Amino acid sequence: MKKGASPIRAAIVDLDGTMLDTIPDFHVAINRMRADFELPAISQEAIALMVGKGSENLIRSVLAQDFDAAGVEHRIGEALDAYQRHYLDINGKHSTIYMDVEAGLKAMRAQGLRLACVTNKPVAFALPLLAEKGLAPYFEVIYGGDSFAKKKPDPMPLLHVCKDFSLKPQEVVAIGDSSNDAEAARAAGCYVLTVPYGYNHGVSIHETDSDGIVDSLLEAATLIQTHNHSAH
């Protein structure tokens, strides 16, 4: 983050792979859906490469393990319905909070930062998940992949948060685990910090253009505080 730049007044935090390890939830829901179609189970490792671009993209990728494009198209509606039913049934039961997430959110709030959660997960999944894990109260706004006409890597959701908070994009940092987060932030004109432990479509986060890689949200909070001291 640049010296002499505007102070950061808000953070937009991603959900899957950034705050929560939700792959175990995906694993259960996807394999229940596959069982409905009499398909064999697939591994958590395979699923981790497919998440991050929204539910429809995920289920298309899952079906593409077994069917050609026409076969996927024929089944996508029924498969998505089945997946969503199974996911809502187990949402949050198998997922865990990454280390220092809550400490990081607390530290950001203590600095006076405004917080938003922007995820490509459908908002009907994101809201109860954040509530169950006790993270919902930290966020003023929570948007899902179906909250707007476009989802990350499009900048639309991030620009909407800037508008909600009456802030310029250069006063906002996005924190995420994938190129989706980084590309959306760059296109919006926000800062971006990335975490190395999430799901970046099987690609090293070091190949993603960001303003820094942080090991945790707590480290992100410290970096933001340092930036703000130098910005004044």
C-alpha atoms as a PDB file:
ATOM      1  CA  MET A   1       0.000   0.000   0.000  1.00  0.00           C
ATOM      2  CA  LYS A   2       1.337   3.364  -1.050  1.00  0.00           C
ATOM      3  CA  LYS A   3       2.715   6.056   1.246  1.00  0.00           C
ATOM      4  CA  GLY A   4       0.929   9.379   1.052  1.00  0.00           C
ATOM      5  CA  ALA A   5      -2.263   7.707  -0.166  1.00  0.00           C
ATOM      6  CA  SER A   6      -5.730   8.170   1.325  1.00  0.00           C
ATOM      7  CA  PRO A   7      -6.402   6.543   4.700  1.00  0.00           C
ATOM      8  CA  ILE A   8      -8.408   3.325   4.500  1.00  0.00           C
ATOM      9  CA  ARG A   9     -11.846   3.722   6.057  1.00  0.00           C
ATOM     10  CA  ALA A  10     -13.545   0.421   5.159  1.00  0.00           C
ATOM     11  CA  ALA A  11     -12.783  -3.207   4.369  1.00  0.00           C
ATOM     12  CA  ILE A  12     -14.741  -5.542   2.092  1.00  0.00           C
ATOM     13  CA  VAL A  13     -14.122  -9.120   3.205  1.00  0.00           C
ATOM     14  CA  ASP A  14     -14.736 -12.283   1.168  1.00  0.00           C
ATOM     15  CA  LEU A  15     -16.335 -15.332   2.832  1.00  0.00           C
ATOM     16  CA  ASP A  16     -15.396 -18.786   1.448  1.00  0.00           C
ATOM     17  CA  GLY A  17     -11.657 -19.399   1.690  1.00  0.00           C
ATOM     18  CA  THR A  18     -11.076 -16.076   3.470  1.00  0.00           C
ATOM     19  CA  MET A  19     -13.114 -16.225   6.696  1.00  0.00           C
ATOM     20  CA  LEU A  20     -14.403 -19.793   6.605  1.00  0.00           C
ATOM     21  CA  ASP A  21     -13.150 -23.122   5.305  1.00  0.00           C
ATOM     22  CA  THR A  22     -16.430 -24.196   3.693  1.00  0.00           C
ATOM     23  CA  ILE A  23     -15.046 -26.963   1.464  1.00  0.00           C
ATOM     24  CA  PRO A  24     -16.321 -29.655   3.901  1.00  0.00           C
ATOM     25  CA  ASP A  25     -19.872 -28.212   3.508  1.00  0.00           C
ATOM     26  CA  PHE A  26     -19.553 -28.173  -0.275  1.00  0.00           C
ATOM     27  CA  HIS A  27     -18.243 -31.746  -0.162  1.00  0.00           C
ATOM     28  CA  VAL A  28     -21.279 -33.075   1.712  1.00  0.00           C
ATOM     29  CA  ALA A  29     -23.878 -31.132  -0.318  1.00  0.00           C
ATOM     30  CA  ILE A  30     -22.322 -31.884  -3.711  1.00  0.00           C
ATOM     31  CA  ASN A  31     -21.969 -35.592  -3.027  1.00  0.00           C
ATOM     32  CA  ARG A  32     -25.559 -35.812  -1.776  1.00  0.00           C
ATOM     33  CA  MET A  33     -26.617 -34.174  -5.044  1.00  0.00           C
ATOM     34  CA  ARG A  34     -24.410 -36.590  -7.014  1.00  0.00           C
ATOM     35  CA  ALA A  35     -25.979 -39.531  -5.158  1.00  0.00           C
ATOM     36  CA  ASP A  36     -29.405 -38.259  -6.284  1.00  0.00           C
ATOM     37  CA  PHE A  37     -28.133 -38.641  -9.875  1.00  0.00           C
ATOM     38  CA  GLU A  38     -26.512 -42.021  -9.063  1.00  0.00           C
ATOM     39  CA  LEU A  39     -23.054 -40.553  -9.651  1.00  0.00           C
ATOM     40  CA  PRO A  40     -19.965 -41.515  -7.588  1.00  0.00           C
ATOM     41  CA  ALA A  41     -18.650 -39.210  -4.868  1.00  0.00           C
ATOM     42  CA  ILE A  42     -15.838 -36.768  -5.683  1.00  0.00           C
ATOM     43  CA  SER A  43     -13.052 -35.561  -3.374  1.00  0.00           C
ATOM     44  CA  GLN A  44     -12.696 -32.341  -1.380  1.00  0.00           C
ATOM     45  CA  GLU A  45      -9.525 -31.646  -3.375  1.00  0.00           C
ATOM     46  CA  ALA A  46     -11.441 -31.744  -6.665  1.00  0.00           C
ATOM     47  CA  ILE A  47     -14.187 -29.508  -5.271  1.00  0.00           C
ATOM     48  CA  ALA A  48     -11.671 -26.932  -3.962  1.00  0.00           C
ATOM     49  CA  LEU A  49     -10.569 -26.276  -7.562  1.00  0.00           C
ATOM     50  CA  MET A  50     -14.162 -25.482  -8.629  1.00  0.00           C
ATOM     51  CA  VAL A  51     -15.437 -23.073  -5.959  1.00  0.00           C
ATOM     52  CA  GLY A  52     -15.361 -19.281  -6.000  1.00  0.00           C
ATOM     53  CA  LYS A  53     -17.416 -18.308  -9.027  1.00  0.00           C
ATOM     54  CA  GLY A  54     -20.924 -18.875  -7.677  1.00  0.00           C
ATOM     55  CA  SER A  55     -23.223 -21.879  -7.292  1.00  0.00           C
ATOM     56  CA  GLU A  56     -24.238 -22.323 -10.925  1.00  0.00           C
ATOM     57  CA  ASN A  57     -20.632 -22.320 -12.115  1.00  0.00           C
ATOM     58  CA  LEU A  58     -19.775 -24.798  -9.345  1.00  0.00           C
ATOM     59  CA  ILE A  59     -22.533 -27.265 -10.258  1.00  0.00           C
ATOM     60  CA  ARG A  60     -21.757 -26.981 -13.976  1.00  0.00           C
ATOM     61  CA  SER A  61     -18.124 -27.885 -13.164  1.00  0.00           C
ATOM     62  CA  VAL A  62     -19.274 -30.798 -10.989  1.00  0.00           C
ATOM     63  CA  LEU A  63     -21.549 -32.178 -13.738  1.00  0.00           C
ATOM     64  CA  ALA A  64     -18.814 -31.712 -16.336  1.00  0.00           C
ATOM     65  CA  GLN A  65     -16.860 -34.458 -14.525  1.00  0.00           C
ATOM     66  CA  ASP A  66     -19.392 -36.933 -15.960  1.00  0.00           C
ATOM     67  CA  PHE A  67     -21.251 -35.319 -18.856  1.00  0.00           C
ATOM     68  CA  ASP A  68     -20.554 -33.427 -22.088  1.00  0.00           C
ATOM     69  CA  ALA A  69     -21.848 -29.863 -22.577  1.00  0.00           C
ATOM     70  CA  ALA A  70     -25.288 -31.038 -23.749  1.00  0.00           C
ATOM     71  CA  GLY A  71     -25.528 -33.456 -20.802  1.00  0.00           C
ATOM     72  CA  VAL A  72     -24.640 -30.685 -18.349  1.00  0.00           C
ATOM     73  CA  GLU A  73     -27.214 -28.340 -19.909  1.00  0.00           C
ATOM     74  CA  HIS A  74     -29.909 -31.026 -19.704  1.00  0.00           C
ATOM     75  CA  ARG A  75     -29.322 -31.598 -15.972  1.00  0.00           C
ATOM     76  CA  ILE A  76     -28.208 -28.204 -14.625  1.00  0.00           C
ATOM     77  CA  GLY A  77     -31.627 -27.006 -13.410  1.00  0.00           C
ATOM     78  CA  GLU A  78     -32.462 -30.178 -11.491  1.00  0.00           C
ATOM     79  CA  ALA A  79     -28.906 -30.542 -10.171  1.00  0.00           C
ATOM     80  CA  LEU A  80     -28.769 -26.931  -8.938  1.00  0.00           C
ATOM     81  CA  ASP A  81     -32.111 -27.339  -7.153  1.00  0.00           C
ATOM     82  CA  ALA A  82     -30.912 -30.559  -5.491  1.00  0.00           C
ATOM     83  CA  TYR A  83     -27.572 -29.021  -4.498  1.00  0.00           C
ATOM     84  CA  GLN A  84     -29.214 -25.932  -2.989  1.00  0.00           C
ATOM     85  CA  ARG A  85     -31.661 -28.075  -1.023  1.00  0.00           C
ATOM     86  CA  HIS A  86     -28.822 -30.213   0.376  1.00  0.00           C
ATOM     87  CA  TYR A  87     -26.598 -27.195   1.042  1.00  0.00           C
ATOM     88  CA  LEU A  88     -29.252 -25.341   3.030  1.00  0.00           C
ATOM     89  CA  ASP A  89     -29.778 -28.514   5.057  1.00  0.00           C
ATOM     90  CA  ILE A  90     -26.112 -28.699   6.158  1.00  0.00           C
ATOM     91  CA  ASN A  91     -24.981 -25.058   5.753  1.00  0.00           C
ATOM     92  CA  GLY A  92     -22.246 -24.337   8.329  1.00  0.00           C
ATOM     93  CA  LYS A  93     -22.361 -27.757   9.999  1.00  0.00           C
ATOM     94  CA  HIS A  94     -19.013 -28.899   8.595  1.00  0.00           C
ATOM     95  CA  SER A  95     -17.250 -25.560   7.988  1.00  0.00           C
ATOM     96  CA  THR A  96     -14.712 -23.937  10.329  1.00  0.00           C
ATOM     97  CA  ILE A  97     -13.481 -20.389  10.958  1.00  0.00           C
ATOM     98  CA  TYR A  98      -9.897 -19.738   9.933  1.00  0.00           C
ATOM     99  CA  MET A  99      -7.390 -18.637  12.576  1.00  0.00           C
ATOM    100  CA  ASP A 100      -7.537 -15.004  13.741  1.00  0.00           C
ATOM    101  CA  VAL A 101     -10.604 -14.128  11.651  1.00  0.00           C
ATOM    102  CA  GLU A 102     -12.629 -12.881  14.611  1.00  0.00           C
ATOM    103  CA  ALA A 103      -9.590 -11.180  16.163  1.00  0.00           C
ATOM    104  CA  GLY A 104      -8.945  -9.473  12.823  1.00  0.00           C
ATOM    105  CA  LEU A 105     -12.525  -8.267  12.437  1.00  0.00           C
ATOM    106  CA  LYS A 106     -12.494  -6.972  16.034  1.00  0.00           C
ATOM    107  CA  ALA A 107      -9.207  -5.134  15.403  1.00  0.00           C
ATOM    108  CA  MET A 108     -10.601  -3.533  12.227  1.00  0.00           C
ATOM    109  CA  ARG A 109     -13.742  -2.398  14.023  1.00  0.00           C
ATOM    110  CA  ALA A 110     -11.616  -1.042  16.887  1.00  0.00           C
ATOM    111  CA  GLN A 111      -9.776   1.119  14.320  1.00  0.00           C
ATOM    112  CA  GLY A 112     -13.126   2.549  13.237  1.00  0.00           C
ATOM    113  CA  LEU A 113     -13.195   0.722   9.899  1.00  0.00           C
ATOM    114  CA  ARG A 114     -16.585   0.018   8.351  1.00  0.00           C
ATOM    115  CA  LEU A 115     -16.976  -3.605   7.289  1.00  0.00           C
ATOM    116  CA  ALA A 116     -18.852  -5.280   4.442  1.00  0.00           C
ATOM    117  CA  CYS A 117     -18.908  -8.928   3.402  1.00  0.00           C
ATOM    118  CA  VAL A 118     -19.091  -9.539  -0.348  1.00  0.00           C
ATOM    119  CA  THR A 119     -19.200 -13.175  -1.469  1.00  0.00           C
ATOM    120  CA  ASN A 120     -20.144 -15.008  -4.662  1.00  0.00           C
ATOM    121  CA  LYS A 121     -22.128 -17.447  -2.484  1.00  0.00           C
ATOM    122  CA  PRO A 122     -25.910 -16.892  -2.827  1.00  0.00           C
ATOM    123  CA  VAL A 123     -27.025 -14.438  -0.150  1.00  0.00           C
ATOM    124  CA  ALA A 124     -29.578 -16.976   1.194  1.00  0.00           C
ATOM    125  CA  PHE A 125     -26.602 -19.213   2.089  1.00  0.00           C
ATOM    126  CA  ALA A 126     -24.246 -16.439   3.236  1.00  0.00           C
ATOM    127  CA  LEU A 127     -26.551 -14.793   5.802  1.00  0.00           C
ATOM    128  CA  PRO A 128     -27.368 -17.877   7.923  1.00  0.00           C
ATOM    129  CA  LEU A 129     -23.766 -19.100   7.662  1.00  0.00           C
ATOM    130  CA  LEU A 130     -22.318 -15.836   8.993  1.00  0.00           C
ATOM    131  CA  ALA A 131     -24.995 -15.762  11.693  1.00  0.00           C
ATOM    132  CA  GLU A 132     -24.287 -19.337  12.795  1.00  0.00           C
ATOM    133  CA  LYS A 133     -20.553 -18.677  13.053  1.00  0.00           C
ATOM    134  CA  GLY A 134     -21.136 -15.458  15.037  1.00  0.00           C
ATOM    135  CA  LEU A 135     -19.568 -13.242  12.362  1.00  0.00           C
ATOM    136  CA  ALA A 136     -22.673 -11.443  11.029  1.00  0.00           C
ATOM    137  CA  PRO A 137     -22.660  -8.647  13.686  1.00  0.00           C
ATOM    138  CA  TYR A 138     -19.282  -7.357  12.462  1.00  0.00           C
ATOM    139  CA  PHE A 139     -20.709  -6.372   9.065  1.00  0.00           C
ATOM    140  CA  GLU A 140     -22.877  -3.389   8.178  1.00  0.00           C
ATOM    141  CA  VAL A 141     -23.787  -4.933   4.825  1.00  0.00           C
ATOM    142  CA  ILE A 142     -23.604  -8.492   3.443  1.00  0.00           C
ATOM    143  CA  TYR A 143     -23.971  -9.130  -0.285  1.00  0.00           C
ATOM    144  CA  GLY A 144     -24.053 -12.444  -2.141  1.00  0.00           C
ATOM    145  CA  GLY A 145     -23.398 -13.527  -5.696  1.00  0.00           C
ATOM    146  CA  ASP A 146     -27.052 -12.958  -6.562  1.00  0.00           C
ATOM    147  CA  SER A 147     -27.396  -9.529  -4.883  1.00  0.00           C
ATOM    148  CA  PHE A 148     -26.482  -7.675  -8.107  1.00  0.00           C
ATOM    149  CA  ALA A 149     -26.636  -8.232 -11.863  1.00  0.00           C
ATOM    150  CA  LYS A 150     -22.911  -9.095 -11.802  1.00  0.00           C
ATOM    151  CA  LYS A 151     -20.650 -10.840  -9.290  1.00  0.00           C
ATOM    152  CA  LYS A 152     -16.890 -10.767  -8.640  1.00  0.00           C
ATOM    153  CA  PRO A 153     -14.539 -10.488 -10.590  1.00  0.00           C
ATOM    154  CA  ASP A 154     -16.829  -7.700 -11.860  1.00  0.00           C
ATOM    155  CA  PRO A 155     -16.332  -4.566  -9.711  1.00  0.00           C
ATOM    156  CA  MET A 156     -20.105  -3.921  -9.378  1.00  0.00           C
ATOM    157  CA  PRO A 157     -20.580  -5.342  -5.826  1.00  0.00           C
ATOM    158  CA  LEU A 158     -17.498  -3.516  -4.499  1.00  0.00           C
ATOM    159  CA  LEU A 159     -18.517  -0.210  -6.064  1.00  0.00           C
ATOM    160  CA  HIS A 160     -21.959  -0.650  -4.487  1.00  0.00           C
ATOM    161  CA  VAL A 161     -20.368  -0.978  -1.036  1.00  0.00           C
ATOM    162  CA  CYS A 162     -18.317   2.203  -1.662  1.00  0.00           C
ATOM    163  CA  LYS A 163     -21.603   3.956  -2.497  1.00  0.00           C
ATOM    164  CA  ASP A 164     -23.324   2.487   0.599  1.00  0.00           C
ATOM    165  CA  PHE A 165     -20.515   3.849   2.788  1.00  0.00           C
ATOM    166  CA  SER A 166     -20.167   7.161   0.850  1.00  0.00           C
ATOM    167  CA  LEU A 167     -16.461   6.422   0.374  1.00  0.00           C
ATOM    168  CA  LYS A 168     -14.117   6.691  -2.596  1.00  0.00           C
ATOM    169  CA  PRO A 169     -12.761   3.325  -3.803  1.00  0.00           C
ATOM    170  CA  GLN A 170      -9.239   4.403  -2.809  1.00  0.00           C
ATOM    171  CA  GLU A 171     -10.460   4.593   0.820  1.00  0.00           C
ATOM    172  CA  VAL A 172     -11.531   0.941   0.754  1.00  0.00           C
ATOM    173  CA  VAL A 173      -9.569  -2.330   0.848  1.00  0.00           C
ATOM    174  CA  ALA A 174     -10.893  -5.679  -0.363  1.00  0.00           C
ATOM    175  CA  ILE A 175      -9.584  -8.802   1.397  1.00  0.00           C
ATOM    176  CA  GLY A 176      -9.935 -12.180  -0.278  1.00  0.00           C
ATOM    177  CA  ASP A 177      -8.328 -15.469  -1.236  1.00  0.00           C
ATOM    178  CA  SER A 178      -8.612 -15.498  -5.018  1.00  0.00           C
ATOM    179  CA  SER A 179      -8.043 -13.733  -8.314  1.00  0.00           C
ATOM    180  CA  ASN A 180     -11.804 -12.959  -8.325  1.00  0.00           C
ATOM    181  CA  ASP A 181     -11.327 -10.678  -5.310  1.00  0.00           C
ATOM    182  CA  ALA A 182      -8.159  -9.074  -6.670  1.00  0.00           C
ATOM    183  CA  GLU A 183      -9.575  -8.438 -10.159  1.00  0.00           C
ATOM    184  CA  ALA A 184     -12.790  -6.956  -8.741  1.00  0.00           C
ATOM    185  CA  ALA A 185     -10.821  -4.668  -6.415  1.00  0.00           C
ATOM    186  CA  ARG A 186      -8.411  -3.532  -9.137  1.00  0.00           C
ATOM    187  CA  ALA A 187     -11.308  -2.778 -11.503  1.00  0.00           C
ATOM    188  CA  ALA A 188     -13.140  -0.863  -8.752  1.00  0.00           C
ATOM    189  CA  GLY A 189     -10.034   1.141  -7.795  1.00  0.00           C
ATOM    190  CA  CYS A 190      -9.845  -0.318  -4.276  1.00  0.00           C
ATOM    191  CA  TYR A 191      -6.789  -1.640  -2.479  1.00  0.00           C
ATOM    192  CA  VAL A 192      -6.593  -5.434  -2.260  1.00  0.00           C
ATOM    193  CA  LEU A 193      -4.977  -7.790   0.251  1.00  0.00           C
ATOM    194  CA  THR A 194      -4.935 -11.543  -0.314  1.00  0.00           C
ATOM    195  CA  VAL A 195      -4.669 -14.506   2.050  1.00  0.00           C
ATOM    196  CA  PRO A 196      -2.637 -17.565   0.952  1.00  0.00           C
ATOM    197  CA  TYR A 197      -4.701 -20.320   2.586  1.00  0.00           C
ATOM    198  CA  GLY A 198      -7.969 -20.258   0.586  1.00  0.00           C
ATOM    199  CA  TYR A 199      -9.180 -21.542  -2.768  1.00  0.00           C
ATOM    200  CA  ASN A 200      -7.714 -19.784  -5.795  1.00  0.00           C
ATOM    201  CA  HIS A 201      -8.853 -22.219  -8.506  1.00  0.00           C
ATOM    202  CA  GLY A 202      -5.680 -24.279  -7.994  1.00  0.00           C
ATOM    203  CA  VAL A 203      -3.366 -21.336  -8.770  1.00  0.00           C
ATOM    204  CA  SER A 204      -0.826 -19.886  -6.312  1.00  0.00           C
ATOM    205  CA  ILE A 205      -2.045 -16.598  -4.799  1.00  0.00           C
ATOM    206  CA  HIS A 206       1.486 -15.273  -5.435  1.00  0.00           C
ATOM    207  CA  GLU A 207       0.540 -15.059  -9.132  1.00  0.00           C
ATOM    208  CA  THR A 208      -2.328 -12.671  -8.289  1.00  0.00           C
ATOM    209  CA  ASP A 209      -1.864  -8.893  -8.508  1.00  0.00           C
ATOM    210  CA  SER A 210      -2.468  -7.517  -4.997  1.00  0.00           C
ATOM    211  CA  ASP A 211      -1.128  -4.895  -2.592  1.00  0.00           C
ATOM    212  CA  GLY A 212       0.110  -7.569  -0.228  1.00  0.00           C
ATOM    213  CA  ILE A 213      -0.326 -11.139   0.977  1.00  0.00           C
ATOM    214  CA  VAL A 214      -1.355 -11.419   4.641  1.00  0.00           C
ATOM    215  CA  ASP A 215      -1.345 -14.631   6.670  1.00  0.00           C
ATOM    216  CA  SER A 216      -4.559 -13.716   8.514  1.00  0.00           C
ATOM    217  CA  LEU A 217      -7.236 -11.049   8.883  1.00  0.00           C
ATOM    218  CA  LEU A 218      -5.431  -9.952  12.050  1.00  0.00           C
ATOM    219  CA  GLU A 219      -2.284  -9.293  10.000  1.00  0.00           C
ATOM    220  CA  ALA A 220      -4.476  -7.402   7.508  1.00  0.00           C
ATOM    221  CA  ALA A 221      -5.781  -5.217  10.351  1.00  0.00           C
ATOM    222  CA  THR A 222      -2.201  -4.438  11.456  1.00  0.00           C
ATOM    223  CA  LEU A 223      -1.163  -3.564   7.889  1.00  0.00           C
ATOM    224  CA  ILE A 224      -4.171  -1.249   7.481  1.00  0.00           C
ATOM    225  CA  GLN A 225      -3.340   0.471  10.784  1.00  0.00           C
ATOM    226  CA  THR A 226       0.283   0.984   9.668  1.00  0.00           C
ATOM    227  CA  HIS A 227      -0.909   2.387   6.327  1.00  0.00           C
ATOM    228  CA  ASN A 228      -3.309   4.784   8.060  1.00  0.00           C
ATOM    229  CA  HIS A 229      -0.598   6.073  10.413  1.00  0.00           C
ATOM    230  CA  SER A 230       1.617   6.870   7.421  1.00  0.00           C
ATOM    231  CA  ALA A 231      -1.301   8.370   5.454  1.00  0.00           C
ATOM    232  CA  HIS A 232      -1.990  11.056   8.101  1.00  0.00           C
END
